[in-house]
Amino acid sequence: MARIAGVNIPTGKRAIIALTYIHGIGRTTAVKICEACGIAAERRVNELSDDEVTRIRDMIDQELTVEGELRRDV
């Protein structure tokens, strides 16, 4: 199970859908994240390499306000 932004995302789902489980990331943002990290839309989370998960995690940490930070701001 991949852990991104403090959330265990489901491994059997496509990466775009799994990213929407993180508070603050919708479908459009998930598509942009996958495109920026060079991940195909049909790839599933359990097919991602550790490097790809790390790229997603780093991009979310650097560029987006999600989960706890977003909840505090709201």
PDB file of N, CA and C in Angstrom:
ATOM      1  N   MET A   1       0.841  -1.185   0.000  1.00  0.00           N
ATOM      2  CA  MET A   1       0.000   0.000   0.000  1.00  0.00           C
ATOM      3  C   MET A   1       0.882   1.242   0.000  1.00  0.00           C
ATOM      4  N   ALA A   2       0.609   2.153  -0.915  1.00  0.00           N
ATOM      5  CA  ALA A   2       1.382   3.392  -1.019  1.00  0.00           C
ATOM      6  C   ALA A   2       0.824   4.427  -0.046  1.00  0.00           C
ATOM      7  N   ARG A   3       1.720   5.157   0.589  1.00  0.00           N
ATOM      8  CA  ARG A   3       1.310   6.198   1.528  1.00  0.00           C
ATOM      9  C   ARG A   3       1.801   7.535   0.993  1.00  0.00           C
ATOM     10  N   ILE A   4       0.844   8.400   0.691  1.00  0.00           N
ATOM     11  CA  ILE A   4       1.157   9.726   0.156  1.00  0.00           C
ATOM     12  C   ILE A   4       0.379  10.752   0.962  1.00  0.00           C
ATOM     13  N   ALA A   5       1.066  11.773   1.440  1.00  0.00           N
ATOM     14  CA  ALA A   5       0.460  12.865   2.217  1.00  0.00           C
ATOM     15  C   ALA A   5      -0.282  12.345   3.441  1.00  0.00           C
ATOM     16  N   GLY A   6       0.237  11.275   4.033  1.00  0.00           N
ATOM     17  CA  GLY A   6      -0.374  10.729   5.244  1.00  0.00           C
ATOM     18  C   GLY A   6      -1.595   9.874   4.997  1.00  0.00           C
ATOM     19  N   VAL A   7      -1.866   9.536   3.749  1.00  0.00           N
ATOM     20  CA  VAL A   7      -3.047   8.743   3.401  1.00  0.00           C
ATOM     21  C   VAL A   7      -2.599   7.468   2.692  1.00  0.00           C
ATOM     22  N   ASN A   8      -3.123   6.333   3.129  1.00  0.00           N
ATOM     23  CA  ASN A   8      -2.883   5.080   2.423  1.00  0.00           C
ATOM     24  C   ASN A   8      -3.816   5.040   1.228  1.00  0.00           C
ATOM     25  N   ILE A   9      -3.261   5.123   0.039  1.00  0.00           N
ATOM     26  CA  ILE A   9      -4.113   5.098  -1.143  1.00  0.00           C
ATOM     27  C   ILE A   9      -4.297   3.651  -1.603  1.00  0.00           C
ATOM     28  N   PRO A  10      -5.468   3.322  -2.133  1.00  0.00           N
ATOM     29  CA  PRO A  10      -5.751   1.941  -2.539  1.00  0.00           C
ATOM     30  C   PRO A  10      -4.861   1.492  -3.689  1.00  0.00           C
ATOM     31  N   THR A  11      -4.357   0.272  -3.590  1.00  0.00           N
ATOM     32  CA  THR A  11      -3.384  -0.209  -4.571  1.00  0.00           C
ATOM     33  C   THR A  11      -4.018  -0.771  -5.829  1.00  0.00           C
ATOM     34  N   GLY A  12      -5.239  -1.220  -5.780  1.00  0.00           N
ATOM     35  CA  GLY A  12      -5.863  -1.840  -6.944  1.00  0.00           C
ATOM     36  C   GLY A  12      -6.481  -0.865  -7.916  1.00  0.00           C
ATOM     37  N   LYS A  13      -6.545   0.388  -7.563  1.00  0.00           N
ATOM     38  CA  LYS A  13      -7.195   1.390  -8.411  1.00  0.00           C
ATOM     39  C   LYS A  13      -6.174   2.080  -9.310  1.00  0.00           C
ATOM     40  N   ARG A  14      -6.688   2.722 -10.382  1.00  0.00           N
ATOM     41  CA  ARG A  14      -5.815   3.512 -11.246  1.00  0.00           C
ATOM     42  C   ARG A  14      -5.257   4.677 -10.438  1.00  0.00           C
ATOM     43  N   ALA A  15      -4.069   5.110 -10.794  1.00  0.00           N
ATOM     44  CA  ALA A  15      -3.378   6.151 -10.038  1.00  0.00           C
ATOM     45  C   ALA A  15      -4.199   7.437  -9.945  1.00  0.00           C
ATOM     46  N   ILE A  16      -4.861   7.802 -11.036  1.00  0.00           N
ATOM     47  CA  ILE A  16      -5.662   9.033 -11.039  1.00  0.00           C
ATOM     48  C   ILE A  16      -6.798   8.941 -10.027  1.00  0.00           C
ATOM     49  N   ILE A  17      -7.470   7.816  -9.974  1.00  0.00           N
ATOM     50  CA  ILE A  17      -8.584   7.639  -9.040  1.00  0.00           C
ATOM     51  C   ILE A  17      -8.060   7.559  -7.614  1.00  0.00           C
ATOM     52  N   ALA A  18      -6.958   6.848  -7.404  1.00  0.00           N
ATOM     53  CA  ALA A  18      -6.406   6.678  -6.059  1.00  0.00           C
ATOM     54  C   ALA A  18      -5.961   8.013  -5.461  1.00  0.00           C
ATOM     55  N   LEU A  19      -5.434   8.910  -6.283  1.00  0.00           N
ATOM     56  CA  LEU A  19      -4.993  10.204  -5.765  1.00  0.00           C
ATOM     57  C   LEU A  19      -6.150  11.047  -5.248  1.00  0.00           C
ATOM     58  N   THR A  20      -7.347  10.806  -5.736  1.00  0.00           N
ATOM     59  CA  THR A  20      -8.503  11.586  -5.273  1.00  0.00           C
ATOM     60  C   THR A  20      -8.905  11.211  -3.844  1.00  0.00           C
ATOM     61  N   TYR A  21      -8.336  10.161  -3.287  1.00  0.00           N
ATOM     62  CA  TYR A  21      -8.596   9.802  -1.898  1.00  0.00           C
ATOM     63  C   TYR A  21      -7.911  10.759  -0.938  1.00  0.00           C
ATOM     64  N   ILE A  22      -6.994  11.577  -1.450  1.00  0.00           N
ATOM     65  CA  ILE A  22      -6.296  12.571  -0.639  1.00  0.00           C
ATOM     66  C   ILE A  22      -7.145  13.839  -0.614  1.00  0.00           C
ATOM     67  N   HIS A  23      -7.436  14.340   0.584  1.00  0.00           N
ATOM     68  CA  HIS A  23      -8.252  15.537   0.743  1.00  0.00           C
ATOM     69  C   HIS A  23      -7.544  16.721   0.080  1.00  0.00           C
ATOM     70  N   GLY A  24      -8.228  17.350  -0.877  1.00  0.00           N
ATOM     71  CA  GLY A  24      -7.666  18.495  -1.583  1.00  0.00           C
ATOM     72  C   GLY A  24      -7.238  18.181  -2.999  1.00  0.00           C
ATOM     73  N   ILE A  25      -7.297  16.907  -3.388  1.00  0.00           N
ATOM     74  CA  ILE A  25      -6.949  16.525  -4.756  1.00  0.00           C
ATOM     75  C   ILE A  25      -8.192  15.957  -5.424  1.00  0.00           C
ATOM     76  N   GLY A  26      -8.613  16.646  -6.473  1.00  0.00           N
ATOM     77  CA  GLY A  26      -9.754  16.182  -7.256  1.00  0.00           C
ATOM     78  C   GLY A  26      -9.269  15.503  -8.524  1.00  0.00           C
ATOM     79  N   ARG A  27     -10.216  15.202  -9.368  1.00  0.00           N
ATOM     80  CA  ARG A  27      -9.902  14.469 -10.588  1.00  0.00           C
ATOM     81  C   ARG A  27      -8.963  15.257 -11.511  1.00  0.00           C
ATOM     82  N   THR A  28      -9.245  16.547 -11.694  1.00  0.00           N
ATOM     83  CA  THR A  28      -8.432  17.387 -12.579  1.00  0.00           C
ATOM     84  C   THR A  28      -7.007  17.511 -12.062  1.00  0.00           C
ATOM     85  N   THR A  29      -6.864  17.738 -10.775  1.00  0.00           N
ATOM     86  CA  THR A  29      -5.533  17.857 -10.185  1.00  0.00           C
ATOM     87  C   THR A  29      -4.780  16.539 -10.271  1.00  0.00           C
ATOM     88  N   ALA A  30      -5.473  15.430 -10.067  1.00  0.00           N
ATOM     89  CA  ALA A  30      -4.840  14.109 -10.158  1.00  0.00           C
ATOM     90  C   ALA A  30      -4.309  13.850 -11.563  1.00  0.00           C
ATOM     91  N   VAL A  31      -5.067  14.264 -12.571  1.00  0.00           N
ATOM     92  CA  VAL A  31      -4.614  14.102 -13.961  1.00  0.00           C
ATOM     93  C   VAL A  31      -3.362  14.941 -14.201  1.00  0.00           C
ATOM     94  N   LYS A  32      -3.350  16.174 -13.707  1.00  0.00           N
ATOM     95  CA  LYS A  32      -2.184  17.050 -13.883  1.00  0.00           C
ATOM     96  C   LYS A  32      -0.950  16.484 -13.178  1.00  0.00           C
ATOM     97  N   ILE A  33      -1.136  15.912 -11.992  1.00  0.00           N
ATOM     98  CA  ILE A  33      -0.026  15.317 -11.253  1.00  0.00           C
ATOM     99  C   ILE A  33       0.568  14.152 -12.037  1.00  0.00           C
ATOM    100  N   CYS A  34      -0.292  13.284 -12.546  1.00  0.00           N
ATOM    101  CA  CYS A  34       0.184  12.118 -13.299  1.00  0.00           C
ATOM    102  C   CYS A  34       0.899  12.536 -14.583  1.00  0.00           C
ATOM    103  N   GLU A  35       0.370  13.545 -15.259  1.00  0.00           N
ATOM    104  CA  GLU A  35       1.022  14.024 -16.478  1.00  0.00           C
ATOM    105  C   GLU A  35       2.390  14.618 -16.165  1.00  0.00           C
ATOM    106  N   ALA A  36       2.473  15.402 -15.095  1.00  0.00           N
ATOM    107  CA  ALA A  36       3.734  16.042 -14.735  1.00  0.00           C
ATOM    108  C   ALA A  36       4.788  15.012 -14.309  1.00  0.00           C
ATOM    109  N   CYS A  37       4.343  13.922 -13.716  1.00  0.00           N
ATOM    110  CA  CYS A  37       5.273  12.883 -13.257  1.00  0.00           C
ATOM    111  C   CYS A  37       5.535  11.828 -14.322  1.00  0.00           C
ATOM    112  N   GLY A  38       4.878  11.933 -15.465  1.00  0.00           N
ATOM    113  CA  GLY A  38       5.104  10.999 -16.558  1.00  0.00           C
ATOM    114  C   GLY A  38       4.482   9.635 -16.340  1.00  0.00           C
ATOM    115  N   ILE A  39       3.329   9.606 -15.702  1.00  0.00           N
ATOM    116  CA  ILE A  39       2.644   8.340 -15.419  1.00  0.00           C
ATOM    117  C   ILE A  39       1.417   8.247 -16.306  1.00  0.00           C
ATOM    118  N   ALA A  40       1.281   7.140 -17.003  1.00  0.00           N
ATOM    119  CA  ALA A  40       0.143   6.932 -17.902  1.00  0.00           C
ATOM    120  C   ALA A  40      -1.147   6.813 -17.097  1.00  0.00           C
ATOM    121  N   ALA A  41      -2.248   7.262 -17.699  1.00  0.00           N
ATOM    122  CA  ALA A  41      -3.537   7.292 -17.010  1.00  0.00           C
ATOM    123  C   ALA A  41      -4.053   5.904 -16.631  1.00  0.00           C
ATOM    124  N   GLU A  42      -3.693   4.885 -17.400  1.00  0.00           N
ATOM    125  CA  GLU A  42      -4.231   3.550 -17.131  1.00  0.00           C
ATOM    126  C   GLU A  42      -3.407   2.749 -16.121  1.00  0.00           C
ATOM    127  N   ARG A  43      -2.288   3.291 -15.650  1.00  0.00           N
ATOM    128  CA  ARG A  43      -1.450   2.571 -14.679  1.00  0.00           C
ATOM    129  C   ARG A  43      -2.128   2.492 -13.329  1.00  0.00           C
ATOM    130  N   ARG A  44      -2.010   1.358 -12.689  1.00  0.00           N
ATOM    131  CA  ARG A  44      -2.566   1.158 -11.357  1.00  0.00           C
ATOM    132  C   ARG A  44      -1.481   1.397 -10.313  1.00  0.00           C
ATOM    133  N   VAL A  45      -1.910   1.694  -9.098  1.00  0.00           N
ATOM    134  CA  VAL A  45      -0.963   2.035  -8.035  1.00  0.00           C
ATOM    135  C   VAL A  45      -0.010   0.883  -7.768  1.00  0.00           C
ATOM    136  N   ASN A  46      -0.499  -0.354  -7.796  1.00  0.00           N
ATOM    137  CA  ASN A  46       0.385  -1.483  -7.509  1.00  0.00           C
ATOM    138  C   ASN A  46       1.393  -1.732  -8.632  1.00  0.00           C
ATOM    139  N   GLU A  47       1.232  -1.091  -9.782  1.00  0.00           N
ATOM    140  CA  GLU A  47       2.180  -1.207 -10.890  1.00  0.00           C
ATOM    141  C   GLU A  47       3.250  -0.116 -10.852  1.00  0.00           C
ATOM    142  N   LEU A  48       3.088   0.876  -9.995  1.00  0.00           N
ATOM    143  CA  LEU A  48       4.030   1.990  -9.934  1.00  0.00           C
ATOM    144  C   LEU A  48       5.308   1.567  -9.221  1.00  0.00           C
ATOM    145  N   SER A  49       6.439   2.059  -9.704  1.00  0.00           N
ATOM    146  CA  SER A  49       7.709   1.781  -9.044  1.00  0.00           C
ATOM    147  C   SER A  49       7.859   2.722  -7.838  1.00  0.00           C
ATOM    148  N   ASP A  50       8.813   2.413  -6.988  1.00  0.00           N
ATOM    149  CA  ASP A  50       9.072   3.264  -5.826  1.00  0.00           C
ATOM    150  C   ASP A  50       9.485   4.670  -6.257  1.00  0.00           C
ATOM    151  N   ASP A  51      10.218   4.762  -7.356  1.00  0.00           N
ATOM    152  CA  ASP A  51      10.649   6.061  -7.872  1.00  0.00           C
ATOM    153  C   ASP A  51       9.442   6.906  -8.298  1.00  0.00           C
ATOM    154  N   GLU A  52       8.481   6.282  -8.953  1.00  0.00           N
ATOM    155  CA  GLU A  52       7.289   7.016  -9.407  1.00  0.00           C
ATOM    156  C   GLU A  52       6.450   7.490  -8.218  1.00  0.00           C
ATOM    157  N   VAL A  53       6.309   6.648  -7.215  1.00  0.00           N
ATOM    158  CA  VAL A  53       5.561   7.045  -6.014  1.00  0.00           C
ATOM    159  C   VAL A  53       6.282   8.198  -5.316  1.00  0.00           C
ATOM    160  N   THR A  54       7.595   8.139  -5.285  1.00  0.00           N
ATOM    161  CA  THR A  54       8.376   9.216  -4.673  1.00  0.00           C
ATOM    162  C   THR A  54       8.205  10.519  -5.442  1.00  0.00           C
ATOM    163  N   ARG A  55       8.196  10.454  -6.783  1.00  0.00           N
ATOM    164  CA  ARG A  55       7.978  11.666  -7.587  1.00  0.00           C
ATOM    165  C   ARG A  55       6.617  12.277  -7.304  1.00  0.00           C
ATOM    166  N   ILE A  56       5.577  11.431  -7.202  1.00  0.00           N
ATOM    167  CA  ILE A  56       4.235  11.923  -6.896  1.00  0.00           C
ATOM    168  C   ILE A  56       4.229  12.566  -5.517  1.00  0.00           C
ATOM    169  N   ARG A  57       4.802  11.891  -4.548  1.00  0.00           N
ATOM    170  CA  ARG A  57       4.828  12.391  -3.168  1.00  0.00           C
ATOM    171  C   ARG A  57       5.544  13.731  -3.092  1.00  0.00           C
ATOM    172  N   ASP A  58       6.702  13.841  -3.748  1.00  0.00           N
ATOM    173  CA  ASP A  58       7.467  15.096  -3.725  1.00  0.00           C
ATOM    174  C   ASP A  58       6.701  16.231  -4.386  1.00  0.00           C
ATOM    175  N   MET A  59       6.047  15.953  -5.505  1.00  0.00           N
ATOM    176  CA  MET A  59       5.293  16.992  -6.202  1.00  0.00           C
ATOM    177  C   MET A  59       4.134  17.500  -5.337  1.00  0.00           C
ATOM    178  N   ILE A  60       3.431  16.585  -4.696  1.00  0.00           N
ATOM    179  CA  ILE A  60       2.307  16.977  -3.848  1.00  0.00           C
ATOM    180  C   ILE A  60       2.812  17.791  -2.657  1.00  0.00           C
ATOM    181  N   ASP A  61       3.899  17.349  -2.033  1.00  0.00           N
ATOM    182  CA  ASP A  61       4.445  18.064  -0.874  1.00  0.00           C
ATOM    183  C   ASP A  61       4.910  19.471  -1.225  1.00  0.00           C
ATOM    184  N   GLN A  62       5.506  19.639  -2.415  1.00  0.00           N
ATOM    185  CA  GLN A  62       6.074  20.932  -2.784  1.00  0.00           C
ATOM    186  C   GLN A  62       5.053  21.906  -3.349  1.00  0.00           C
ATOM    187  N   GLU A  63       4.072  21.407  -4.108  1.00  0.00           N
ATOM    188  CA  GLU A  63       3.230  22.318  -4.871  1.00  0.00           C
ATOM    189  C   GLU A  63       1.789  22.445  -4.396  1.00  0.00           C
ATOM    190  N   LEU A  64       1.319  21.536  -3.559  1.00  0.00           N
ATOM    191  CA  LEU A  64      -0.096  21.557  -3.185  1.00  0.00           C
ATOM    192  C   LEU A  64      -0.283  21.639  -1.676  1.00  0.00           C
ATOM    193  N   THR A  65      -1.408  22.199  -1.284  1.00  0.00           N
ATOM    194  CA  THR A  65      -1.824  22.198   0.110  1.00  0.00           C
ATOM    195  C   THR A  65      -2.907  21.136   0.240  1.00  0.00           C
ATOM    196  N   VAL A  66      -2.608  20.076   0.966  1.00  0.00           N
ATOM    197  CA  VAL A  66      -3.540  18.952   1.089  1.00  0.00           C
ATOM    198  C   VAL A  66      -3.638  18.486   2.536  1.00  0.00           C
ATOM    199  N   GLU A  67      -4.609  17.624   2.782  1.00  0.00           N
ATOM    200  CA  GLU A  67      -4.837  16.967   4.062  1.00  0.00           C
ATOM    201  C   GLU A  67      -4.821  17.927   5.246  1.00  0.00           C
ATOM    202  N   GLY A  68      -3.933  17.730   6.221  1.00  0.00           N
ATOM    203  CA  GLY A  68      -3.925  18.483   7.472  1.00  0.00           C
ATOM    204  C   GLY A  68      -3.785  19.975   7.283  1.00  0.00           C
ATOM    205  N   GLU A  69      -2.862  20.397   6.420  1.00  0.00           N
ATOM    206  CA  GLU A  69      -2.674  21.826   6.169  1.00  0.00           C
ATOM    207  C   GLU A  69      -3.937  22.458   5.598  1.00  0.00           C
ATOM    208  N   LEU A  70      -4.568  21.785   4.653  1.00  0.00           N
ATOM    209  CA  LEU A  70      -5.774  22.302   4.032  1.00  0.00           C
ATOM    210  C   LEU A  70      -6.924  22.353   5.027  1.00  0.00           C
ATOM    211  N   ARG A  71      -7.053  21.324   5.837  1.00  0.00           N
ATOM    212  CA  ARG A  71      -8.121  21.304   6.851  1.00  0.00           C
ATOM    213  C   ARG A  71      -7.942  22.435   7.848  1.00  0.00           C
ATOM    214  N   ARG A  72      -6.696  22.730   8.241  1.00  0.00           N
ATOM    215  CA  ARG A  72      -6.441  23.832   9.168  1.00  0.00           C
ATOM    216  C   ARG A  72      -6.804  25.172   8.536  1.00  0.00           C
ATOM    217  N   ASP A  73      -6.451  25.346   7.253  1.00  0.00           N
ATOM    218  CA  ASP A  73      -6.742  26.594   6.575  1.00  0.00           C
ATOM    219  C   ASP A  73      -8.239  26.829   6.438  1.00  0.00           C
ATOM    220  N   VAL A  74      -8.968  25.772   6.170  1.00  0.00           N
ATOM    221  CA  VAL A  74     -10.421  25.892   5.988  1.00  0.00           C
ATOM    222  C   VAL A  74     -11.056  26.089   7.340  1.00  0.00           C
TER     223      VAL A  74
END
